PDB file of N, CA and C in Angstrom:
ATOM      1  N   UNK A   1     153.072 106.581  91.211  1.00  0.00           N
ATOM      2  CA  UNK A   1     152.058 106.584  91.906  1.00  0.00           C
ATOM      3  C   UNK A   1     151.799 105.130  91.631  1.00  0.00           C
ATOM      4  N   UNK A   2     151.607 104.295  92.617  1.00  0.00           N
ATOM      5  CA  UNK A   2     151.045 102.858  92.370  1.00  0.00           C
ATOM      6  C   UNK A   2     149.758 102.449  92.034  1.00  0.00           C
ATOM      7  N   UNK A   3     149.095 101.372  91.712  1.00  0.00           N
ATOM      8  CA  UNK A   3     147.987 100.809  91.397  1.00  0.00           C
ATOM      9  C   UNK A   3     147.063 100.904  92.637  1.00  0.00           C
ATOM     10  N   UNK A   4     147.673 100.504  93.967  1.00  0.00           N
ATOM     11  CA  UNK A   4     146.978 100.840  95.199  1.00  0.00           C
ATOM     12  C   UNK A   4     146.666 102.041  95.395  1.00  0.00           C
ATOM     13  N   UNK A   5     147.229 102.650  95.175  1.00  0.00           N
ATOM     14  CA  UNK A   5     146.876 104.502  95.533  1.00  0.00           C
ATOM     15  C   UNK A   5     145.250 104.611  95.179  1.00  0.00           C
ATOM     16  N   UNK A   6     144.674 103.965  94.043  1.00  0.00           N
ATOM     17  CA  UNK A   6     143.826 104.472  93.355  1.00  0.00           C
ATOM     18  C   UNK A   6     142.586 103.460  94.115  1.00  0.00           C
ATOM     19  N   UNK A   7     142.997 102.320  94.637  1.00  0.00           N
ATOM     20  CA  UNK A   7     141.919 101.222  95.120  1.00  0.00           C
ATOM     21  C   UNK A   7     140.897 102.186  95.584  1.00  0.00           C
ATOM     22  N   UNK A   8     140.731 102.808  96.697  1.00  0.00           N
ATOM     23  CA  UNK A   8     139.517 103.070  97.210  1.00  0.00           C
ATOM     24  C   UNK A   8     138.945 103.941  96.894  1.00  0.00           C
ATOM     25  N   UNK A   9     139.246 104.978  96.087  1.00  0.00           N
ATOM     26  CA  UNK A   9     138.146 105.638  94.674  1.00  0.00           C
ATOM     27  C   UNK A   9     137.312 104.756  94.015  1.00  0.00           C
ATOM     28  N   UNK A  10     138.342 103.826  92.978  1.00  0.00           N
ATOM     29  CA  UNK A  10     137.945 102.929  92.260  1.00  0.00           C
ATOM     30  C   UNK A  10     136.938 102.272  93.117  1.00  0.00           C
ATOM     31  N   UNK A  11     136.804 101.590  94.479  1.00  0.00           N
ATOM     32  CA  UNK A  11     135.962 100.923  94.990  1.00  0.00           C
ATOM     33  C   UNK A  11     134.539 101.897  95.207  1.00  0.00           C
ATOM     34  N   UNK A  12     134.614 102.723  95.734  1.00  0.00           N
ATOM     35  CA  UNK A  12     133.544 103.831  95.732  1.00  0.00           C
ATOM     36  C   UNK A  12     132.996 104.054  94.555  1.00  0.00           C
ATOM     37  N   UNK A  13     133.693 104.280  93.795  1.00  0.00           N
ATOM     38  CA  UNK A  13     132.940 104.825  92.255  1.00  0.00           C
ATOM     39  C   UNK A  13     132.354 103.443  91.973  1.00  0.00           C
ATOM     40  N   UNK A  14     133.184 102.455  91.611  1.00  0.00           N
ATOM     41  CA  UNK A  14     132.197 101.173  91.174  1.00  0.00           C
ATOM     42  C   UNK A  14     131.026 101.112  92.200  1.00  0.00           C
ATOM     43  N   UNK A  15     130.935 101.355  93.226  1.00  0.00           N
ATOM     44  CA  UNK A  15     129.723 101.102  94.214  1.00  0.00           C
ATOM     45  C   UNK A  15     128.706 101.962  93.956  1.00  0.00           C
ATOM     46  N   UNK A  16     129.268 103.275  93.846  1.00  0.00           N
ATOM     47  CA  UNK A  16     127.998 104.438  93.185  1.00  0.00           C
ATOM     48  C   UNK A  16     127.282 103.958  92.379  1.00  0.00           C
ATOM     49  N   UNK A  17     128.194 103.229  90.605  1.00  0.00           N
ATOM     50  CA  UNK A  17     127.692 103.015  89.594  1.00  0.00           C
ATOM     51  C   UNK A  17     126.762 102.150  89.912  1.00  0.00           C
ATOM     52  N   UNK A  18     127.249 101.381  90.768  1.00  0.00           N
ATOM     53  CA  UNK A  18     126.376  99.449  90.728  1.00  0.00           C
ATOM     54  C   UNK A  18     124.967 100.284  91.204  1.00  0.00           C
ATOM     55  N   UNK A  19     124.943 101.097  92.700  1.00  0.00           N
ATOM     56  CA  UNK A  19     123.611 101.387  93.028  1.00  0.00           C
ATOM     57  C   UNK A  19     123.043 102.229  91.876  1.00  0.00           C
ATOM     58  N   UNK A  20     123.188 103.149  91.190  1.00  0.00           N
ATOM     59  CA  UNK A  20     122.402 103.740  90.129  1.00  0.00           C
ATOM     60  C   UNK A  20     122.149 103.043  89.028  1.00  0.00           C
ATOM     61  N   UNK A  21     122.985 101.956  88.753  1.00  0.00           N
ATOM     62  CA  UNK A  21     122.734 100.871  87.831  1.00  0.00           C
ATOM     63  C   UNK A  21     121.422 100.475  88.202  1.00  0.00           C
ATOM     64  N   UNK A  22     121.509  99.959  89.380  1.00  0.00           N
ATOM     65  CA  UNK A  22     120.298  98.882  89.999  1.00  0.00           C
ATOM     66  C   UNK A  22     118.931  99.836  90.125  1.00  0.00           C
ATOM     67  N   UNK A  23     119.439 101.027  90.495  1.00  0.00           N
ATOM     68  CA  UNK A  23     118.188 102.016  90.884  1.00  0.00           C
ATOM     69  C   UNK A  23     117.207 102.231  89.386  1.00  0.00           C
ATOM     70  N   UNK A  24     118.207 102.490  88.475  1.00  0.00           N
ATOM     71  CA  UNK A  24     117.508 102.864  87.016  1.00  0.00           C
ATOM     72  C   UNK A  24     116.792 101.527  86.491  1.00  0.00           C
ATOM     73  N   UNK A  25     117.489 100.074  86.544  1.00  0.00           N
ATOM     74  CA  UNK A  25     116.851  98.782  86.168  1.00  0.00           C
ATOM     75  C   UNK A  25     115.361  98.697  86.891  1.00  0.00           C
ATOM     76  N   UNK A  26     115.497  99.143  88.114  1.00  0.00           N
ATOM     77  CA  UNK A  26     114.087  99.203  88.836  1.00  0.00           C
ATOM     78  C   UNK A  26     113.216 100.097  88.469  1.00  0.00           C
ATOM     79  N   UNK A  27     113.771 101.399  88.484  1.00  0.00           N
ATOM     80  CA  UNK A  27     112.882 102.458  87.664  1.00  0.00           C
ATOM     81  C   UNK A  27     111.927 101.789  86.629  1.00  0.00           C
ATOM     82  N   UNK A  28     112.762 101.406  85.509  1.00  0.00           N
ATOM     83  CA  UNK A  28     112.369 100.948  84.239  1.00  0.00           C
ATOM     84  C   UNK A  28     111.609  99.712  84.544  1.00  0.00           C
ATOM     85  N   UNK A  29     112.207  98.546  85.227  1.00  0.00           N
ATOM     86  CA  UNK A  29     111.161  97.430  85.411  1.00  0.00           C
ATOM     87  C   UNK A  29     109.659  98.103  85.793  1.00  0.00           C
ATOM     88  N   UNK A  30     109.750  98.653  87.000  1.00  0.00           N
ATOM     89  CA  UNK A  30     108.426  98.897  87.785  1.00  0.00           C
ATOM     90  C   UNK A  30     107.706 100.216  86.859  1.00  0.00           C
ATOM     91  N   UNK A  31     108.279 100.486  85.877  1.00  0.00           N
ATOM     92  CA  UNK A  31     107.579 101.720  84.799  1.00  0.00           C
ATOM     93  C   UNK A  31     107.110 103.038  85.964  1.00  0.00           C
ATOM     94  N   UNK A  32     107.957 103.097  86.647  1.00  0.00           N
ATOM     95  CA  UNK A  32     107.671 104.192  87.601  1.00  0.00           C
ATOM     96  C   UNK A  32     107.812 105.592  86.720  1.00  0.00           C
ATOM     97  N   UNK A  33     106.726 106.327  86.411  1.00  0.00           N
ATOM     98  CA  UNK A  33     107.031 107.530  85.547  1.00  0.00           C
ATOM     99  C   UNK A  33     107.512 108.626  86.322  1.00  0.00           C
ATOM    100  N   UNK A  34     108.130 109.402  85.452  1.00  0.00           N
ATOM    101  CA  UNK A  34     108.817 110.528  85.994  1.00  0.00           C
ATOM    102  C   UNK A  34     108.902 111.461  85.167  1.00  0.00           C
ATOM    103  N   UNK A  35     108.684 113.031  85.899  1.00  0.00           N
ATOM    104  CA  UNK A  35     108.444 114.150  85.078  1.00  0.00           C
ATOM    105  C   UNK A  35     109.623 115.142  85.638  1.00  0.00           C
ATOM    106  N   UNK A  36     110.591 115.634  85.031  1.00  0.00           N
ATOM    107  CA  UNK A  36     111.382 116.691  85.563  1.00  0.00           C
ATOM    108  C   UNK A  36     110.824 118.216  84.719  1.00  0.00           C
ATOM    109  N   UNK A  37     110.525 118.982  85.742  1.00  0.00           N
ATOM    110  CA  UNK A  37     110.276 120.393  85.098  1.00  0.00           C
ATOM    111  C   UNK A  37     109.000 120.283  84.279  1.00  0.00           C
ATOM    112  N   UNK A  38     108.094 119.479  84.093  1.00  0.00           N
ATOM    113  CA  UNK A  38     106.962 119.345  83.438  1.00  0.00           C
ATOM    114  C   UNK A  38     107.318 118.631  82.204  1.00  0.00           C
ATOM    115  N   UNK A  39     108.557 117.884  82.001  1.00  0.00           N
ATOM    116  CA  UNK A  39     108.889 117.099  81.137  1.00  0.00           C
ATOM    117  C   UNK A  39     108.743 115.682  81.324  1.00  0.00           C
ATOM    118  N   UNK A  40     108.245 114.921  80.778  1.00  0.00           N
ATOM    119  CA  UNK A  40     107.980 113.533  80.979  1.00  0.00           C
ATOM    120  C   UNK A  40     109.046 112.999  80.704  1.00  0.00           C
ATOM    121  N   UNK A  41     110.175 112.119  81.502  1.00  0.00           N
ATOM    122  CA  UNK A  41     111.293 111.462  80.942  1.00  0.00           C
ATOM    123  C   UNK A  41     110.830 109.852  80.537  1.00  0.00           C
ATOM    124  N   UNK A  42     110.584 109.365  79.294  1.00  0.00           N
ATOM    125  CA  UNK A  42     110.638 108.032  78.848  1.00  0.00           C
ATOM    126  C   UNK A  42     111.492 107.024  80.013  1.00  0.00           C
ATOM    127  N   UNK A  43     110.774 105.778  80.057  1.00  0.00           N
ATOM    128  CA  UNK A  43     111.089 104.644  80.623  1.00  0.00           C
ATOM    129  C   UNK A  43     112.423 104.187  80.060  1.00  0.00           C
ATOM    130  N   UNK A  44     112.658 104.320  78.622  1.00  0.00           N
ATOM    131  CA  UNK A  44     113.704 103.830  77.915  1.00  0.00           C
ATOM    132  C   UNK A  44     114.921 104.684  78.058  1.00  0.00           C
ATOM    133  N   UNK A  45     114.945 105.893  78.792  1.00  0.00           N
ATOM    134  CA  UNK A  45     116.074 106.718  79.251  1.00  0.00           C
ATOM    135  C   UNK A  45     116.540 106.161  80.570  1.00  0.00           C
ATOM    136  N   UNK A  46     115.751 105.360  81.027  1.00  0.00           N
ATOM    137  CA  UNK A  46     116.219 104.308  81.938  1.00  0.00           C
ATOM    138  C   UNK A  46     116.996 103.370  81.965  1.00  0.00           C
ATOM    139  N   UNK A  47     116.466 102.599  81.219  1.00  0.00           N
ATOM    140  CA  UNK A  47     117.428 101.541  80.182  1.00  0.00           C
ATOM    141  C   UNK A  47     118.945 102.104  80.032  1.00  0.00           C
ATOM    142  N   UNK A  48     118.833 102.943  78.948  1.00  0.00           N
ATOM    143  CA  UNK A  48     120.335 103.576  78.672  1.00  0.00           C
ATOM    144  C   UNK A  48     120.968 103.751  80.005  1.00  0.00           C
ATOM    145  N   UNK A  49     120.289 104.538  80.667  1.00  0.00           N
ATOM    146  CA  UNK A  49     121.102 104.923  82.133  1.00  0.00           C
ATOM    147  C   UNK A  49     121.388 103.902  82.489  1.00  0.00           C
ATOM    148  N   UNK A  50     120.703 102.988  83.023  1.00  0.00           N
ATOM    149  CA  UNK A  50     120.872 101.513  83.406  1.00  0.00           C
ATOM    150  C   UNK A  50     122.317 100.861  83.005  1.00  0.00           C
ATOM    151  N   UNK A  51     122.444 100.631  81.535  1.00  0.00           N
ATOM    152  CA  UNK A  51     123.385 100.152  80.872  1.00  0.00           C
ATOM    153  C   UNK A  51     124.821 100.759  81.158  1.00  0.00           C
ATOM    154  N   UNK A  52     124.558 102.108  80.933  1.00  0.00           N
ATOM    155  CA  UNK A  52     125.698 102.930  80.985  1.00  0.00           C
ATOM    156  C   UNK A  52     126.283 103.131  82.197  1.00  0.00           C
ATOM    157  N   UNK A  53     125.549 102.800  83.568  1.00  0.00           N
ATOM    158  CA  UNK A  53     125.887 102.821  84.966  1.00  0.00           C
ATOM    159  C   UNK A  53     126.216 101.237  84.924  1.00  0.00           C
ATOM    160  N   UNK A  54     126.020 100.420  84.527  1.00  0.00           N
ATOM    161  CA  UNK A  54     126.456  98.852  84.767  1.00  0.00           C
ATOM    162  C   UNK A  54     127.438  98.939  84.047  1.00  0.00           C
ATOM    163  N   UNK A  55     127.815  99.652  82.899  1.00  0.00           N
ATOM    164  CA  UNK A  55     129.148  99.394  82.222  1.00  0.00           C
ATOM    165  C   UNK A  55     130.589  99.825  83.044  1.00  0.00           C
ATOM    166  N   UNK A  56     129.947 101.220  83.399  1.00  0.00           N
ATOM    167  CA  UNK A  56     131.172 102.071  84.410  1.00  0.00           C
ATOM    168  C   UNK A  56     131.117 101.011  85.537  1.00  0.00           C
ATOM    169  N   UNK A  57     130.112 100.499  86.297  1.00  0.00           N
ATOM    170  CA  UNK A  57     130.440  99.637  87.550  1.00  0.00           C
ATOM    171  C   UNK A  57     131.093  98.521  87.629  1.00  0.00           C
ATOM    172  N   UNK A  58     130.715  97.531  86.147  1.00  0.00           N
ATOM    173  CA  UNK A  58     131.736  96.825  85.607  1.00  0.00           C
ATOM    174  C   UNK A  58     133.100  96.977  85.517  1.00  0.00           C
ATOM    175  N   UNK A  59     133.314  97.882  84.687  1.00  0.00           N
ATOM    176  CA  UNK A  59     134.687  98.483  84.523  1.00  0.00           C
ATOM    177  C   UNK A  59     135.170  98.686  85.881  1.00  0.00           C
ATOM    178  N   UNK A  60     134.529  99.688  86.776  1.00  0.00           N
ATOM    179  CA  UNK A  60     135.764 100.297  88.182  1.00  0.00           C
ATOM    180  C   UNK A  60     135.938  98.526  89.064  1.00  0.00           C
ATOM    181  N   UNK A  61     134.656  97.706  88.981  1.00  0.00           N
ATOM    182  CA  UNK A  61     135.451  96.470  89.739  1.00  0.00           C
ATOM    183  C   UNK A  61     136.276  95.722  89.094  1.00  0.00           C
ATOM    184  N   UNK A  62     136.270  95.718  88.018  1.00  0.00           N
ATOM    185  CA  UNK A  62     137.219  94.747  87.277  1.00  0.00           C
ATOM    186  C   UNK A  62     138.886  95.718  87.149  1.00  0.00           C
ATOM    187  N   UNK A  63     138.844  96.909  87.244  1.00  0.00           N
ATOM    188  CA  UNK A  63     140.065  97.482  87.603  1.00  0.00           C
ATOM    189  C   UNK A  63     140.580  97.404  89.027  1.00  0.00           C
ATOM    190  N   UNK A  64     139.675  97.385  89.892  1.00  0.00           N
ATOM    191  CA  UNK A  64     140.405  97.284  90.810  1.00  0.00           C
ATOM    192  C   UNK A  64     141.331  96.226  91.324  1.00  0.00           C
TER     193      UNK A  64
END
């Protein structure tokens, strides 16, 4: 299997991770509260999620 056969998947994955990273960063910057099942999710969790999703997005874009 050659490298070009993975290109569409890698592009879609990188795009999804980019969107997730931007949305998590937006939530953290805006300080939007989040409750899941009555449990408050701290804003710091969004920063961690943004960093992880951003790293995966960067990896995906560089792999293409």
